[in-house]
Amino acid sequence: MNYSYMLNGRTADGTLLKNHGFVQEGNCFSLRVELQNGLYTVIKIYNNKLDVDVFDEIFHKKYTAFSSGHSGSAIRTQVREIVEKILNDCCV
């Protein structure tokens, strides 16, 4: 499997990624993913429910993916593609 979408092999809080890129805490899996232009997303899968947020590392702002506003259609599309890839690779 290709996990080239991992960012420096660490989660948002700096924890080293393990278990093929996912960090598992109980039944919650999380993965930090680099997007573009200083943005990254932390994808959490909790009880098979996705929780995807987009963060701006430069200005320390948080944007919710799949909503209107700053995230924009290009970011939402990229997040959606990443989510689909993660689910296809890891959660079959």
N, C-alpha and C. Protein backbone atom coordinates (compact mmCIF):
# COMPACT_ATOMS: atom_id res chain seq x y z
N MET A 1 0.83 -1.19 0.00
CA MET A 1 0.00 0.00 0.00
C MET A 1 0.87 1.24 0.00
N ASN A 2 0.40 2.29 -0.66
CA ASN A 2 1.16 3.53 -0.75
C ASN A 2 0.57 4.56 0.20
N TYR A 3 1.36 5.00 1.18
CA TYR A 3 0.90 6.00 2.12
C TYR A 3 1.67 7.29 1.95
N SER A 4 1.89 7.68 0.70
CA SER A 4 2.66 8.88 0.44
C SER A 4 1.92 10.14 0.88
N TYR A 5 0.65 10.02 1.22
CA TYR A 5 -0.10 11.19 1.65
C TYR A 5 0.10 11.49 3.13
N MET A 6 0.90 10.68 3.82
CA MET A 6 1.21 10.99 5.22
C MET A 6 2.15 12.18 5.29
N LEU A 7 2.01 13.00 6.31
CA LEU A 7 2.85 14.18 6.47
C LEU A 7 3.89 13.91 7.54
N ASN A 8 5.12 13.73 7.12
CA ASN A 8 6.25 13.53 8.03
C ASN A 8 6.04 12.38 8.99
N GLY A 9 5.12 11.49 8.70
CA GLY A 9 4.91 10.34 9.55
C GLY A 9 4.46 10.67 10.95
N ARG A 10 3.81 11.82 11.13
CA ARG A 10 3.37 12.22 12.46
C ARG A 10 1.91 12.70 12.43
N THR A 11 1.25 12.58 13.56
CA THR A 11 -0.10 13.09 13.66
C THR A 11 -0.06 14.57 13.98
N ALA A 12 -1.23 15.18 14.10
CA ALA A 12 -1.31 16.62 14.33
C ALA A 12 -0.62 17.03 15.63
N ASP A 13 -0.66 16.18 16.65
CA ASP A 13 -0.04 16.54 17.93
C ASP A 13 1.41 16.08 17.99
N GLY A 14 1.97 15.59 16.86
CA GLY A 14 3.37 15.22 16.82
C GLY A 14 3.65 13.76 17.13
N THR A 15 2.60 13.00 17.40
CA THR A 15 2.78 11.58 17.69
C THR A 15 3.21 10.84 16.42
N LEU A 16 4.18 9.97 16.55
CA LEU A 16 4.60 9.18 15.39
C LEU A 16 3.44 8.31 14.91
N LEU A 17 3.25 8.30 13.59
CA LEU A 17 2.21 7.44 13.03
C LEU A 17 2.65 5.99 13.11
N LYS A 18 1.69 5.13 13.34
CA LYS A 18 1.95 3.70 13.39
C LYS A 18 0.76 2.97 12.79
N ASN A 19 0.88 1.67 12.66
CA ASN A 19 -0.21 0.87 12.11
C ASN A 19 -0.61 1.37 10.73
N HIS A 20 0.35 1.42 9.81
CA HIS A 20 0.12 1.84 8.43
C HIS A 20 -0.43 3.25 8.32
N GLY A 21 0.05 4.14 9.18
CA GLY A 21 -0.33 5.54 9.05
C GLY A 21 -1.44 5.98 9.95
N PHE A 22 -2.19 5.03 10.48
CA PHE A 22 -3.28 5.39 11.39
C PHE A 22 -2.79 5.37 12.82
N VAL A 23 -3.31 6.27 13.63
CA VAL A 23 -3.12 6.20 15.06
C VAL A 23 -4.44 5.74 15.65
N GLN A 24 -4.39 4.65 16.39
CA GLN A 24 -5.62 4.09 16.95
C GLN A 24 -5.67 4.37 18.45
N GLU A 25 -6.77 4.96 18.88
CA GLU A 25 -7.04 5.15 20.29
C GLU A 25 -8.42 4.56 20.56
N GLY A 26 -8.44 3.37 21.12
CA GLY A 26 -9.72 2.67 21.28
C GLY A 26 -10.27 2.33 19.92
N ASN A 27 -11.49 2.77 19.65
CA ASN A 27 -12.09 2.51 18.34
C ASN A 27 -12.06 3.75 17.46
N CYS A 28 -11.14 4.68 17.75
CA CYS A 28 -10.97 5.87 16.93
C CYS A 28 -9.63 5.81 16.19
N PHE A 29 -9.67 5.97 14.88
CA PHE A 29 -8.46 6.01 14.07
C PHE A 29 -8.28 7.45 13.57
N SER A 30 -7.06 7.94 13.58
CA SER A 30 -6.82 9.29 13.06
C SER A 30 -5.59 9.30 12.17
N LEU A 31 -5.58 10.22 11.22
CA LEU A 31 -4.48 10.36 10.28
C LEU A 31 -4.35 11.81 9.88
N ARG A 32 -3.14 12.34 9.93
CA ARG A 32 -2.87 13.70 9.48
C ARG A 32 -2.43 13.64 8.03
N VAL A 33 -3.01 14.49 7.19
CA VAL A 33 -2.74 14.46 5.76
C VAL A 33 -2.42 15.87 5.27
N GLU A 34 -1.31 16.01 4.53
CA GLU A 34 -0.95 17.29 3.94
C GLU A 34 -1.82 17.55 2.73
N LEU A 35 -2.35 18.77 2.62
CA LEU A 35 -3.15 19.12 1.46
C LEU A 35 -2.34 20.02 0.54
N GLN A 36 -2.49 21.33 0.67
CA GLN A 36 -1.76 22.26 -0.18
C GLN A 36 -1.78 23.64 0.46
N ASN A 37 -0.84 24.49 0.06
CA ASN A 37 -0.79 25.87 0.52
C ASN A 37 -0.81 25.99 2.04
N GLY A 38 -0.06 25.12 2.72
CA GLY A 38 0.03 25.22 4.17
C GLY A 38 -1.14 24.61 4.91
N LEU A 39 -2.07 24.00 4.20
CA LEU A 39 -3.21 23.38 4.84
C LEU A 39 -2.94 21.91 5.09
N TYR A 40 -3.49 21.41 6.16
CA TYR A 40 -3.47 19.97 6.37
C TYR A 40 -4.80 19.56 6.97
N THR A 41 -5.09 18.30 6.93
CA THR A 41 -6.34 17.81 7.48
C THR A 41 -6.05 16.68 8.45
N VAL A 42 -6.85 16.60 9.47
CA VAL A 42 -6.80 15.47 10.38
C VAL A 42 -8.09 14.69 10.17
N ILE A 43 -7.94 13.46 9.70
CA ILE A 43 -9.09 12.62 9.41
C ILE A 43 -9.26 11.65 10.55
N LYS A 44 -10.43 11.65 11.14
CA LYS A 44 -10.73 10.73 12.22
C LYS A 44 -11.87 9.82 11.80
N ILE A 45 -11.71 8.55 12.09
CA ILE A 45 -12.77 7.59 11.85
C ILE A 45 -13.14 7.00 13.21
N TYR A 46 -14.34 7.32 13.68
CA TYR A 46 -14.78 6.90 15.00
C TYR A 46 -16.07 6.11 14.83
N ASN A 47 -16.02 4.83 15.18
CA ASN A 47 -17.18 3.96 14.98
C ASN A 47 -17.66 4.03 13.53
N ASN A 48 -16.69 4.03 12.60
CA ASN A 48 -16.97 4.07 11.17
C ASN A 48 -17.61 5.37 10.70
N LYS A 49 -17.54 6.42 11.52
CA LYS A 49 -18.03 7.73 11.12
C LYS A 49 -16.85 8.64 10.87
N LEU A 50 -16.85 9.33 9.73
CA LEU A 50 -15.73 10.21 9.38
C LEU A 50 -15.89 11.58 10.01
N ASP A 51 -14.82 12.11 10.54
CA ASP A 51 -14.77 13.46 11.07
C ASP A 51 -13.56 14.13 10.43
N VAL A 52 -13.79 15.00 9.45
CA VAL A 52 -12.70 15.57 8.67
C VAL A 52 -12.66 17.08 8.88
N ASP A 53 -11.56 17.59 9.37
CA ASP A 53 -11.37 19.03 9.53
C ASP A 53 -10.13 19.46 8.77
N VAL A 54 -10.16 20.69 8.25
CA VAL A 54 -9.02 21.25 7.53
C VAL A 54 -8.41 22.35 8.39
N PHE A 55 -7.10 22.32 8.55
CA PHE A 55 -6.40 23.29 9.39
C PHE A 55 -5.42 24.09 8.55
N ASP A 56 -5.18 25.32 8.94
CA ASP A 56 -4.18 26.18 8.31
C ASP A 56 -3.04 26.35 9.31
N GLU A 57 -1.90 25.76 9.00
CA GLU A 57 -0.78 25.78 9.95
C GLU A 57 -0.20 27.18 10.12
N ILE A 58 -0.31 28.02 9.11
CA ILE A 58 0.30 29.33 9.18
C ILE A 58 -0.50 30.25 10.10
N PHE A 59 -1.82 30.27 9.89
CA PHE A 59 -2.66 31.19 10.66
C PHE A 59 -3.40 30.49 11.79
N HIS A 60 -3.19 29.19 11.94
CA HIS A 60 -3.78 28.42 13.03
C HIS A 60 -5.31 28.52 13.04
N LYS A 61 -5.88 28.53 11.84
CA LYS A 61 -7.33 28.54 11.73
C LYS A 61 -7.81 27.13 11.43
N LYS A 62 -9.05 26.89 11.74
CA LYS A 62 -9.63 25.57 11.51
C LYS A 62 -10.86 25.74 10.63
N TYR A 63 -10.95 24.93 9.61
CA TYR A 63 -12.08 24.96 8.70
C TYR A 63 -12.65 23.55 8.58
N THR A 64 -13.95 23.46 8.54
CA THR A 64 -14.56 22.15 8.39
C THR A 64 -14.68 21.83 6.91
N ALA A 65 -14.17 20.68 6.53
CA ALA A 65 -14.25 20.25 5.14
C ALA A 65 -15.69 19.93 4.79
N PHE A 66 -15.99 19.92 3.51
CA PHE A 66 -17.31 19.62 2.97
C PHE A 66 -18.34 20.69 3.36
N SER A 67 -17.90 21.89 3.73
CA SER A 67 -18.84 22.97 4.01
C SER A 67 -18.46 24.16 3.15
N SER A 68 -19.35 25.14 3.09
CA SER A 68 -19.04 26.34 2.33
C SER A 68 -18.02 27.17 3.10
N GLY A 69 -17.42 28.12 2.43
CA GLY A 69 -16.44 28.98 3.11
C GLY A 69 -15.04 28.79 2.57
N HIS A 70 -14.07 28.99 3.42
CA HIS A 70 -12.67 29.08 3.02
C HIS A 70 -12.16 27.80 2.37
N SER A 71 -12.68 26.65 2.81
CA SER A 71 -12.12 25.39 2.33
C SER A 71 -12.19 25.27 0.81
N GLY A 72 -13.26 25.74 0.21
CA GLY A 72 -13.34 25.78 -1.24
C GLY A 72 -13.53 24.41 -1.87
N SER A 73 -14.02 24.39 -3.10
CA SER A 73 -14.33 23.12 -3.76
C SER A 73 -13.08 22.29 -4.03
N ALA A 74 -11.95 22.94 -4.36
CA ALA A 74 -10.74 22.18 -4.66
C ALA A 74 -10.25 21.42 -3.42
N ILE A 75 -10.26 22.09 -2.26
CA ILE A 75 -9.85 21.43 -1.02
C ILE A 75 -10.82 20.32 -0.69
N ARG A 76 -12.10 20.57 -0.81
CA ARG A 76 -13.09 19.54 -0.48
C ARG A 76 -12.92 18.33 -1.38
N THR A 77 -12.66 18.58 -2.66
CA THR A 77 -12.45 17.47 -3.58
C THR A 77 -11.22 16.67 -3.19
N GLN A 78 -10.15 17.36 -2.82
CA GLN A 78 -8.92 16.68 -2.45
C GLN A 78 -9.12 15.86 -1.18
N VAL A 79 -9.82 16.44 -0.20
CA VAL A 79 -10.09 15.71 1.03
C VAL A 79 -10.94 14.49 0.72
N ARG A 80 -11.95 14.65 -0.11
CA ARG A 80 -12.82 13.53 -0.45
C ARG A 80 -12.02 12.41 -1.11
N GLU A 81 -11.12 12.77 -2.02
CA GLU A 81 -10.31 11.75 -2.69
C GLU A 81 -9.40 11.04 -1.69
N ILE A 82 -8.82 11.79 -0.76
CA ILE A 82 -7.96 11.18 0.25
C ILE A 82 -8.76 10.23 1.13
N VAL A 83 -9.94 10.68 1.54
CA VAL A 83 -10.79 9.83 2.38
C VAL A 83 -11.13 8.54 1.66
N GLU A 84 -11.49 8.66 0.38
CA GLU A 84 -11.83 7.46 -0.39
C GLU A 84 -10.64 6.53 -0.49
N LYS A 85 -9.44 7.09 -0.69
CA LYS A 85 -8.25 6.25 -0.80
C LYS A 85 -7.96 5.55 0.53
N ILE A 86 -8.08 6.31 1.62
CA ILE A 86 -7.83 5.71 2.93
C ILE A 86 -8.82 4.57 3.18
N LEU A 87 -10.07 4.82 2.90
CA LEU A 87 -11.08 3.78 3.15
C LEU A 87 -10.82 2.57 2.27
N ASN A 88 -10.44 2.80 1.02
CA ASN A 88 -10.17 1.69 0.12
C ASN A 88 -8.94 0.90 0.56
N ASP A 89 -7.90 1.61 1.04
CA ASP A 89 -6.65 0.96 1.41
C ASP A 89 -6.73 0.23 2.74
N CYS A 90 -7.44 0.83 3.69
CA CYS A 90 -7.27 0.40 5.08
C CYS A 90 -8.53 -0.13 5.74
N CYS A 91 -9.65 0.21 5.24
CA CYS A 91 -10.88 -0.08 5.98
C CYS A 91 -11.82 -0.98 5.18
N VAL A 92 -11.26 -1.83 4.36
CA VAL A 92 -12.10 -2.71 3.54
C VAL A 92 -12.63 -3.84 4.42
